[in-house]
Amino acid sequence: MHGIRPIIWAAVVIALAARLSAQAPPQTGQYDRAQVAAGGILYGQCVACHGPNGDQIPNVDLRRGQFPTVVSDADLVRLLAAGKPASGMPSFSVLRTDEVTALIAYIRSGFDAMGAAMKIGDPARGQTLFSGKGGCATCHRVNGAGTYAATDLSEIGLMRKPASLERALTDPAGSIIPANRSVRAVTRDGRTIRGRRLNEDYYTVQLIDEQSRLVSLIKADLRSFEVVQASSMPSYATTLTADERADLIGYLLSLKGR
């Protein structure tokens, strides 16, 4: 990173965009567009090493949020302050707090000034929420621990982006993908079986029921079979604070398999 002119321009962008931020404040838990825009200018100092798309250094893809050691925004703050001398990255302790925030906002936006720039919290606190207040472990499985009632999240950090995870936490019904919808089957003798569909063909369906048991059903033996459109997952829009959701997202992003 070279020169101070981008820093000056970043300050100008922050000032000019303040009016826009006041008119359309960001959702709690997100960075605003003024910060993202300023960060885009500041990123001009990083292009020489990281490249315009953030993927010029092996094992690092800033635009996709892929780092070898960084997960949370706090990790990024520490990295920018200390640098990484062993790999040739200098310290950027000269940046003001608002400039560091803007640069992180740009990275979290996926280099998209119009995209959602989610704040990523502490994975350790997120893990505590996952097992405790959030109650996620009562349905989800991670690295061999937990139930089979909902999807296995052991590799969720490789498959979902922060904004996608935030939508899943605040609006699970609106963000559920068809493959993860629950099913309800009623047998000819009147038994009702609910669960998560694993496989289905023209004649049979296999699912994990609410007791985490594998069940295989022959459709010809069923009185009715339907895919439940509503999500069984509760919304955490009010039961978790924005900071708690940021921590939980930080933990989920850290789950990349063993």
C-alpha atoms as a PDB file:
ATOM      1  CA  MET A   1       0.000   0.000   0.000  1.00  0.00           C
ATOM      2  CA  HIS A   2       1.458   3.399  -1.014  1.00  0.00           C
ATOM      3  CA  GLY A   3       0.677   7.099  -0.565  1.00  0.00           C
ATOM      4  CA  ILE A   4      -1.741   9.074   1.571  1.00  0.00           C
ATOM      5  CA  ARG A   5      -3.929  10.567  -1.167  1.00  0.00           C
ATOM      6  CA  PRO A   6      -6.440   7.647  -0.969  1.00  0.00           C
ATOM      7  CA  ILE A   7      -6.799   8.384   2.757  1.00  0.00           C
ATOM      8  CA  ILE A   8      -7.655  12.015   2.043  1.00  0.00           C
ATOM      9  CA  TRP A   9     -10.184  11.002  -0.594  1.00  0.00           C
ATOM     10  CA  ALA A  10     -11.668   8.455   1.782  1.00  0.00           C
ATOM     11  CA  ALA A  11     -12.270  11.194   4.339  1.00  0.00           C
ATOM     12  CA  VAL A  12     -13.973  13.275   1.667  1.00  0.00           C
ATOM     13  CA  VAL A  13     -16.216  10.367   0.668  1.00  0.00           C
ATOM     14  CA  ILE A  14     -17.194   9.759   4.285  1.00  0.00           C
ATOM     15  CA  ALA A  15     -18.158  13.421   4.681  1.00  0.00           C
ATOM     16  CA  LEU A  16     -20.108  13.576   1.424  1.00  0.00           C
ATOM     17  CA  ALA A  17     -21.921  10.300   2.095  1.00  0.00           C
ATOM     18  CA  ALA A  18     -22.915  11.178   5.658  1.00  0.00           C
ATOM     19  CA  ARG A  19     -26.094  12.827   4.365  1.00  0.00           C
ATOM     20  CA  LEU A  20     -27.057   9.618   2.516  1.00  0.00           C
ATOM     21  CA  SER A  21     -26.403   7.553   5.634  1.00  0.00           C
ATOM     22  CA  ALA A  22     -28.624   9.831   7.695  1.00  0.00           C
ATOM     23  CA  GLN A  23     -31.452   9.518   5.189  1.00  0.00           C
ATOM     24  CA  ALA A  24     -31.209   5.745   4.900  1.00  0.00           C
ATOM     25  CA  PRO A  25     -29.562   4.373   8.053  1.00  0.00           C
ATOM     26  CA  PRO A  26     -28.165   0.844   7.754  1.00  0.00           C
ATOM     27  CA  GLN A  27     -29.753  -2.094   9.451  1.00  0.00           C
ATOM     28  CA  THR A  28     -28.224  -2.877  12.807  1.00  0.00           C
ATOM     29  CA  GLY A  29     -25.436  -5.353  12.321  1.00  0.00           C
ATOM     30  CA  GLN A  30     -24.404  -3.917   8.949  1.00  0.00           C
ATOM     31  CA  TYR A  31     -21.922  -1.321   7.755  1.00  0.00           C
ATOM     32  CA  ASP A  32     -23.413   1.578   5.802  1.00  0.00           C
ATOM     33  CA  ARG A  33     -22.749   2.483   2.193  1.00  0.00           C
ATOM     34  CA  ALA A  34     -20.723   5.552   3.101  1.00  0.00           C
ATOM     35  CA  GLN A  35     -18.263   3.311   4.927  1.00  0.00           C
ATOM     36  CA  VAL A  36     -18.171   0.838   2.055  1.00  0.00           C
ATOM     37  CA  ALA A  37     -17.554   3.624  -0.485  1.00  0.00           C
ATOM     38  CA  ALA A  38     -14.741   5.112   1.600  1.00  0.00           C
ATOM     39  CA  GLY A  39     -13.253   1.661   2.064  1.00  0.00           C
ATOM     40  CA  GLY A  40     -13.263   1.146  -1.688  1.00  0.00           C
ATOM     41  CA  ILE A  41     -11.005   4.175  -2.083  1.00  0.00           C
ATOM     42  CA  LEU A  42      -8.760   3.107   0.787  1.00  0.00           C
ATOM     43  CA  TYR A  43      -8.421  -0.292  -0.824  1.00  0.00           C
ATOM     44  CA  GLY A  44      -6.438   1.432  -3.566  1.00  0.00           C
ATOM     45  CA  GLN A  45      -3.489   1.142  -1.193  1.00  0.00           C
ATOM     46  CA  CYS A  46      -3.909  -2.648  -1.079  1.00  0.00           C
ATOM     47  CA  VAL A  47      -4.193  -3.342  -4.810  1.00  0.00           C
ATOM     48  CA  ALA A  48      -0.461  -3.650  -5.415  1.00  0.00           C
ATOM     49  CA  CYS A  49      -0.277  -6.748  -3.213  1.00  0.00           C
ATOM     50  CA  HIS A  50      -3.817  -8.123  -3.083  1.00  0.00           C
ATOM     51  CA  GLY A  51      -4.891  -7.260  -6.633  1.00  0.00           C
ATOM     52  CA  PRO A  52      -8.091  -5.551  -7.796  1.00  0.00           C
ATOM     53  CA  ASN A  53     -10.175  -8.615  -6.929  1.00  0.00           C
ATOM     54  CA  GLY A  54      -8.474  -9.348  -3.623  1.00  0.00           C
ATOM     55  CA  ASP A  55      -7.228 -12.771  -4.704  1.00  0.00           C
ATOM     56  CA  GLN A  56      -3.632 -12.097  -5.734  1.00  0.00           C
ATOM     57  CA  ILE A  57      -2.093 -13.639  -2.602  1.00  0.00           C
ATOM     58  CA  PRO A  58      -2.240 -17.462  -2.262  1.00  0.00           C
ATOM     59  CA  ASN A  59      -4.886 -18.759   0.169  1.00  0.00           C
ATOM     60  CA  VAL A  60      -6.385 -15.274   0.565  1.00  0.00           C
ATOM     61  CA  ASP A  61      -9.489 -13.994  -1.223  1.00  0.00           C
ATOM     62  CA  LEU A  62     -10.633 -10.744   0.351  1.00  0.00           C
ATOM     63  CA  ARG A  63     -13.686 -10.362  -1.844  1.00  0.00           C
ATOM     64  CA  ARG A  64     -14.967 -13.792  -0.820  1.00  0.00           C
ATOM     65  CA  GLY A  65     -13.955 -13.359   2.809  1.00  0.00           C
ATOM     66  CA  GLN A  66     -11.432 -16.195   2.703  1.00  0.00           C
ATOM     67  CA  PHE A  67      -8.462 -15.851   5.039  1.00  0.00           C
ATOM     68  CA  PRO A  68      -6.116 -18.459   6.538  1.00  0.00           C
ATOM     69  CA  THR A  69      -6.362 -17.095  10.105  1.00  0.00           C
ATOM     70  CA  VAL A  70      -8.947 -14.284  10.166  1.00  0.00           C
ATOM     71  CA  VAL A  71     -12.646 -14.761  10.944  1.00  0.00           C
ATOM     72  CA  SER A  72     -14.035 -11.792  12.884  1.00  0.00           C
ATOM     73  CA  ASP A  73     -13.856  -8.065  12.233  1.00  0.00           C
ATOM     74  CA  ALA A  74     -11.769  -7.783  15.406  1.00  0.00           C
ATOM     75  CA  ASP A  75      -9.265 -10.164  13.796  1.00  0.00           C
ATOM     76  CA  LEU A  76      -9.027  -7.810  10.825  1.00  0.00           C
ATOM     77  CA  VAL A  77      -8.517  -4.801  13.103  1.00  0.00           C
ATOM     78  CA  ARG A  78      -5.627  -6.566  14.830  1.00  0.00           C
ATOM     79  CA  LEU A  79      -4.124  -7.690  11.521  1.00  0.00           C
ATOM     80  CA  LEU A  80      -4.179  -4.177  10.082  1.00  0.00           C
ATOM     81  CA  ALA A  81      -2.643  -2.755  13.250  1.00  0.00           C
ATOM     82  CA  ALA A  82       0.155  -5.311  13.576  1.00  0.00           C
ATOM     83  CA  GLY A  83       0.663  -6.344   9.964  1.00  0.00           C
ATOM     84  CA  LYS A  84       2.145  -9.700   9.102  1.00  0.00           C
ATOM     85  CA  PRO A  85       5.865  -9.097   8.643  1.00  0.00           C
ATOM     86  CA  ALA A  86       6.684 -12.751   7.955  1.00  0.00           C
ATOM     87  CA  SER A  87       4.532 -12.642   4.817  1.00  0.00           C
ATOM     88  CA  GLY A  88       5.504  -9.111   3.810  1.00  0.00           C
ATOM     89  CA  MET A  89       2.374  -7.292   5.001  1.00  0.00           C
ATOM     90  CA  PRO A  90       3.254  -4.023   6.778  1.00  0.00           C
ATOM     91  CA  SER A  91       1.421  -2.491   9.712  1.00  0.00           C
ATOM     92  CA  PHE A  92      -1.282   0.068   8.936  1.00  0.00           C
ATOM     93  CA  SER A  93      -1.416   1.571  12.404  1.00  0.00           C
ATOM     94  CA  VAL A  94      -1.393   5.034  10.759  1.00  0.00           C
ATOM     95  CA  LEU A  95      -5.013   4.512   9.691  1.00  0.00           C
ATOM     96  CA  ARG A  96      -7.621   6.169  11.875  1.00  0.00           C
ATOM     97  CA  THR A  97     -10.329   4.062  13.498  1.00  0.00           C
ATOM     98  CA  ASP A  98     -12.956   5.238  10.998  1.00  0.00           C
ATOM     99  CA  GLU A  99     -10.621   4.407   8.102  1.00  0.00           C
ATOM    100  CA  VAL A 100     -10.011   0.899   9.449  1.00  0.00           C
ATOM    101  CA  THR A 101     -13.777   0.481   9.813  1.00  0.00           C
ATOM    102  CA  ALA A 102     -14.337   1.670   6.234  1.00  0.00           C
ATOM    103  CA  LEU A 103     -11.739  -0.719   4.826  1.00  0.00           C
ATOM    104  CA  ILE A 104     -13.280  -3.642   6.691  1.00  0.00           C
ATOM    105  CA  ALA A 105     -16.730  -2.564   5.471  1.00  0.00           C
ATOM    106  CA  TYR A 106     -15.514  -2.707   1.874  1.00  0.00           C
ATOM    107  CA  ILE A 107     -14.065  -6.175   2.400  1.00  0.00           C
ATOM    108  CA  ARG A 108     -17.263  -7.386   4.075  1.00  0.00           C
ATOM    109  CA  SER A 109     -19.340  -6.031   1.168  1.00  0.00           C
ATOM    110  CA  GLY A 110     -17.538  -8.401  -1.186  1.00  0.00           C
ATOM    111  CA  PHE A 111     -16.122  -5.361  -3.002  1.00  0.00           C
ATOM    112  CA  ASP A 112     -19.688  -4.362  -3.896  1.00  0.00           C
ATOM    113  CA  ALA A 113     -20.580  -0.786  -2.951  1.00  0.00           C
ATOM    114  CA  MET A 114     -24.284  -1.630  -3.300  1.00  0.00           C
ATOM    115  CA  GLY A 115     -24.096  -4.938  -1.433  1.00  0.00           C
ATOM    116  CA  ALA A 116     -24.776  -5.746   2.204  1.00  0.00           C
ATOM    117  CA  ALA A 117     -21.679  -5.419   4.369  1.00  0.00           C
ATOM    118  CA  MET A 118     -22.304  -7.581   7.425  1.00  0.00           C
ATOM    119  CA  LYS A 119     -20.391  -7.225  10.652  1.00  0.00           C
ATOM    120  CA  ILE A 120     -18.683 -10.453  11.711  1.00  0.00           C
ATOM    121  CA  GLY A 121     -18.371 -11.059  15.444  1.00  0.00           C
ATOM    122  CA  ASP A 122     -16.393 -13.335  17.726  1.00  0.00           C
ATOM    123  CA  PRO A 123     -16.588 -17.071  16.863  1.00  0.00           C
ATOM    124  CA  ALA A 124     -15.985 -18.178  20.470  1.00  0.00           C
ATOM    125  CA  ARG A 125     -18.952 -16.159  21.733  1.00  0.00           C
ATOM    126  CA  GLY A 126     -20.935 -17.388  18.747  1.00  0.00           C
ATOM    127  CA  GLN A 127     -20.235 -21.007  19.656  1.00  0.00           C
ATOM    128  CA  THR A 128     -21.561 -20.360  23.156  1.00  0.00           C
ATOM    129  CA  LEU A 129     -24.719 -18.853  21.650  1.00  0.00           C
ATOM    130  CA  PHE A 130     -25.057 -21.808  19.270  1.00  0.00           C
ATOM    131  CA  SER A 131     -25.121 -24.278  22.144  1.00  0.00           C
ATOM    132  CA  GLY A 132     -26.865 -22.036  24.654  1.00  0.00           C
ATOM    133  CA  LYS A 133     -29.199 -19.088  24.132  1.00  0.00           C
ATOM    134  CA  GLY A 134     -29.688 -19.714  20.424  1.00  0.00           C
ATOM    135  CA  GLY A 135     -30.620 -23.357  20.956  1.00  0.00           C
ATOM    136  CA  CYS A 136     -29.166 -24.244  17.548  1.00  0.00           C
ATOM    137  CA  ALA A 137     -27.600 -27.494  18.739  1.00  0.00           C
ATOM    138  CA  THR A 138     -31.029 -28.918  19.551  1.00  0.00           C
ATOM    139  CA  CYS A 139     -31.664 -29.304  15.812  1.00  0.00           C
ATOM    140  CA  HIS A 140     -28.343 -28.913  13.973  1.00  0.00           C
ATOM    141  CA  ARG A 141     -25.272 -31.107  13.941  1.00  0.00           C
ATOM    142  CA  VAL A 142     -21.646 -29.887  13.854  1.00  0.00           C
ATOM    143  CA  ASN A 143     -18.608 -32.122  13.448  1.00  0.00           C
ATOM    144  CA  GLY A 144     -20.382 -35.222  14.716  1.00  0.00           C
ATOM    145  CA  ALA A 145     -22.127 -33.580  17.690  1.00  0.00           C
ATOM    146  CA  GLY A 146     -25.813 -32.668  17.810  1.00  0.00           C
ATOM    147  CA  THR A 147     -29.002 -34.036  16.315  1.00  0.00           C
ATOM    148  CA  TYR A 148     -30.126 -34.780  12.762  1.00  0.00           C
ATOM    149  CA  ALA A 149     -33.403 -32.839  12.960  1.00  0.00           C
ATOM    150  CA  ALA A 150     -32.045 -30.029  10.746  1.00  0.00           C
ATOM    151  CA  THR A 151     -29.193 -29.663   8.287  1.00  0.00           C
ATOM    152  CA  ASP A 152     -25.614 -30.542   9.222  1.00  0.00           C
ATOM    153  CA  LEU A 153     -23.671 -27.276   9.576  1.00  0.00           C
ATOM    154  CA  SER A 154     -20.159 -28.725   9.734  1.00  0.00           C
ATOM    155  CA  GLU A 155     -19.160 -27.044   6.455  1.00  0.00           C
ATOM    156  CA  ILE A 156     -21.566 -24.107   6.396  1.00  0.00           C
ATOM    157  CA  GLY A 157     -18.661 -21.643   6.347  1.00  0.00           C
ATOM    158  CA  LEU A 158     -17.657 -22.937   2.916  1.00  0.00           C
ATOM    159  CA  MET A 159     -21.151 -22.687   1.462  1.00  0.00           C
ATOM    160  CA  ARG A 160     -22.839 -19.547   2.787  1.00  0.00           C
ATOM    161  CA  LYS A 161     -21.937 -15.865   2.859  1.00  0.00           C
ATOM    162  CA  PRO A 162     -22.491 -13.534   5.849  1.00  0.00           C
ATOM    163  CA  ALA A 163     -25.521 -11.787   4.318  1.00  0.00           C
ATOM    164  CA  SER A 164     -27.084 -15.156   3.526  1.00  0.00           C
ATOM    165  CA  LEU A 165     -26.563 -16.333   7.098  1.00  0.00           C
ATOM    166  CA  GLU A 166     -28.076 -13.113   8.462  1.00  0.00           C
ATOM    167  CA  ARG A 167     -31.175 -13.634   6.297  1.00  0.00           C
ATOM    168  CA  ALA A 168     -31.451 -17.219   7.529  1.00  0.00           C
ATOM    169  CA  LEU A 169     -31.325 -16.025  11.143  1.00  0.00           C
ATOM    170  CA  THR A 170     -33.820 -13.178  10.784  1.00  0.00           C
ATOM    171  CA  ASP A 171     -36.153 -14.540   8.097  1.00  0.00           C
ATOM    172  CA  PRO A 172     -35.790 -18.335   8.008  1.00  0.00           C
ATOM    173  CA  ALA A 173     -39.078 -18.856   6.161  1.00  0.00           C
ATOM    174  CA  GLY A 174     -38.058 -16.486   3.376  1.00  0.00           C
ATOM    175  CA  SER A 175     -34.537 -17.821   2.976  1.00  0.00           C
ATOM    176  CA  ILE A 176     -35.013 -21.579   3.232  1.00  0.00           C
ATOM    177  CA  ILE A 177     -33.912 -23.491   0.138  1.00  0.00           C
ATOM    178  CA  PRO A 178     -36.305 -26.142  -1.245  1.00  0.00           C
ATOM    179  CA  ALA A 179     -33.984 -29.045  -0.414  1.00  0.00           C
ATOM    180  CA  ASN A 180     -34.132 -28.147   3.283  1.00  0.00           C
ATOM    181  CA  ARG A 181     -37.905 -27.971   3.648  1.00  0.00           C
ATOM    182  CA  SER A 182     -39.551 -30.405   6.034  1.00  0.00           C
ATOM    183  CA  VAL A 183     -42.104 -32.991   4.932  1.00  0.00           C
ATOM    184  CA  ARG A 184     -45.267 -34.397   6.502  1.00  0.00           C
ATOM    185  CA  ALA A 185     -46.449 -37.901   5.697  1.00  0.00           C
ATOM    186  CA  VAL A 186     -49.604 -39.679   6.879  1.00  0.00           C
ATOM    187  CA  THR A 187     -49.649 -43.467   6.567  1.00  0.00           C
ATOM    188  CA  ARG A 188     -52.742 -45.484   5.678  1.00  0.00           C
ATOM    189  CA  ASP A 189     -53.145 -46.479   9.326  1.00  0.00           C
ATOM    190  CA  GLY A 190     -53.199 -42.814  10.397  1.00  0.00           C
ATOM    191  CA  ARG A 191     -49.659 -42.303  11.690  1.00  0.00           C
ATOM    192  CA  THR A 192     -48.226 -38.839  11.037  1.00  0.00           C
ATOM    193  CA  ILE A 193     -44.502 -38.609  10.375  1.00  0.00           C
ATOM    194  CA  ARG A 194     -42.687 -35.285  10.168  1.00  0.00           C
ATOM    195  CA  GLY A 195     -39.072 -34.812   9.316  1.00  0.00           C
ATOM    196  CA  ARG A 196     -36.331 -33.576   7.040  1.00  0.00           C
ATOM    197  CA  ARG A 197     -36.270 -35.079   3.573  1.00  0.00           C
ATOM    198  CA  LEU A 198     -33.005 -36.753   2.580  1.00  0.00           C
ATOM    199  CA  ASN A 199     -33.857 -38.501  -0.688  1.00  0.00           C
ATOM    200  CA  GLU A 200     -36.928 -38.894  -2.819  1.00  0.00           C
ATOM    201  CA  ASP A 201     -37.828 -40.634  -6.056  1.00  0.00           C
ATOM    202  CA  TYR A 202     -41.088 -41.476  -7.787  1.00  0.00           C
ATOM    203  CA  TYR A 203     -41.841 -44.436  -5.503  1.00  0.00           C
ATOM    204  CA  THR A 204     -40.134 -43.765  -2.127  1.00  0.00           C
ATOM    205  CA  VAL A 205     -38.932 -41.054   0.218  1.00  0.00           C
ATOM    206  CA  GLN A 206     -36.304 -41.215   2.943  1.00  0.00           C
ATOM    207  CA  LEU A 207     -36.270 -38.748   5.810  1.00  0.00           C
ATOM    208  CA  ILE A 208     -34.906 -38.025   9.274  1.00  0.00           C
ATOM    209  CA  ASP A 209     -37.867 -37.786  11.645  1.00  0.00           C
ATOM    210  CA  GLU A 210     -38.237 -35.501  14.675  1.00  0.00           C
ATOM    211  CA  GLN A 211     -36.542 -38.125  16.863  1.00  0.00           C
ATOM    212  CA  SER A 212     -33.483 -38.158  14.540  1.00  0.00           C
ATOM    213  CA  ARG A 213     -34.408 -41.617  13.193  1.00  0.00           C
ATOM    214  CA  LEU A 214     -33.941 -42.600   9.572  1.00  0.00           C
ATOM    215  CA  VAL A 215     -37.313 -43.482   8.039  1.00  0.00           C
ATOM    216  CA  SER A 216     -37.946 -44.910   4.574  1.00  0.00           C
ATOM    217  CA  LEU A 217     -41.477 -44.711   3.214  1.00  0.00           C
ATOM    218  CA  ILE A 218     -43.170 -46.215   0.165  1.00  0.00           C
ATOM    219  CA  LYS A 219     -45.409 -43.570  -1.321  1.00  0.00           C
ATOM    220  CA  ALA A 220     -48.063 -46.103  -2.329  1.00  0.00           C
ATOM    221  CA  ASP A 221     -48.516 -46.884   1.374  1.00  0.00           C
ATOM    222  CA  LEU A 222     -49.197 -43.258   2.308  1.00  0.00           C
ATOM    223  CA  ARG A 223     -52.542 -41.560   2.699  1.00  0.00           C
ATOM    224  CA  SER A 224     -50.918 -38.173   2.069  1.00  0.00           C
ATOM    225  CA  PHE A 225     -47.474 -36.637   1.579  1.00  0.00           C
ATOM    226  CA  GLU A 226     -46.657 -32.939   1.491  1.00  0.00           C
ATOM    227  CA  VAL A 227     -43.690 -30.600   1.605  1.00  0.00           C
ATOM    228  CA  VAL A 228     -44.122 -28.080   4.421  1.00  0.00           C
ATOM    229  CA  GLN A 229     -43.525 -24.570   3.084  1.00  0.00           C
ATOM    230  CA  ALA A 230     -43.033 -22.947   6.483  1.00  0.00           C
ATOM    231  CA  SER A 231     -39.666 -23.179   8.187  1.00  0.00           C
ATOM    232  CA  SER A 232     -39.381 -25.017  11.489  1.00  0.00           C
ATOM    233  CA  MET A 233     -36.496 -22.726  12.420  1.00  0.00           C
ATOM    234  CA  PRO A 234     -37.468 -19.715  14.575  1.00  0.00           C
ATOM    235  CA  SER A 235     -36.500 -16.168  13.680  1.00  0.00           C
ATOM    236  CA  TYR A 236     -33.739 -14.606  15.772  1.00  0.00           C
ATOM    237  CA  ALA A 237     -34.541 -11.048  14.682  1.00  0.00           C
ATOM    238  CA  THR A 238     -35.637 -10.131  18.210  1.00  0.00           C
ATOM    239  CA  THR A 239     -34.474 -13.018  20.402  1.00  0.00           C
ATOM    240  CA  LEU A 240     -30.814 -12.291  19.596  1.00  0.00           C
ATOM    241  CA  THR A 241     -29.310  -8.824  19.458  1.00  0.00           C
ATOM    242  CA  ALA A 242     -27.480  -7.650  16.341  1.00  0.00           C
ATOM    243  CA  ASP A 243     -24.154  -8.155  18.130  1.00  0.00           C
ATOM    244  CA  GLU A 244     -25.152 -11.669  19.156  1.00  0.00           C
ATOM    245  CA  ARG A 245     -26.138 -12.509  15.588  1.00  0.00           C
ATOM    246  CA  ALA A 246     -22.788 -11.133  14.406  1.00  0.00           C
ATOM    247  CA  ASP A 247     -21.035 -13.462  16.878  1.00  0.00           C
ATOM    248  CA  LEU A 248     -23.158 -16.413  15.768  1.00  0.00           C
ATOM    249  CA  ILE A 249     -22.383 -15.646  12.113  1.00  0.00           C
ATOM    250  CA  GLY A 250     -18.690 -15.500  13.023  1.00  0.00           C
ATOM    251  CA  TYR A 251     -18.938 -19.008  14.471  1.00  0.00           C
ATOM    252  CA  LEU A 252     -20.872 -20.374  11.486  1.00  0.00           C
ATOM    253  CA  LEU A 253     -18.316 -18.914   9.071  1.00  0.00           C
ATOM    254  CA  SER A 254     -15.569 -20.715  11.003  1.00  0.00           C
ATOM    255  CA  LEU A 255     -17.209 -24.100  10.316  1.00  0.00           C
ATOM    256  CA  LYS A 256     -15.344 -25.431   7.293  1.00  0.00           C
ATOM    257  CA  GLY A 257     -15.163 -29.139   8.034  1.00  0.00           C
ATOM    258  CA  ARG A 258     -12.448 -31.036   9.776  1.00  0.00           C
END
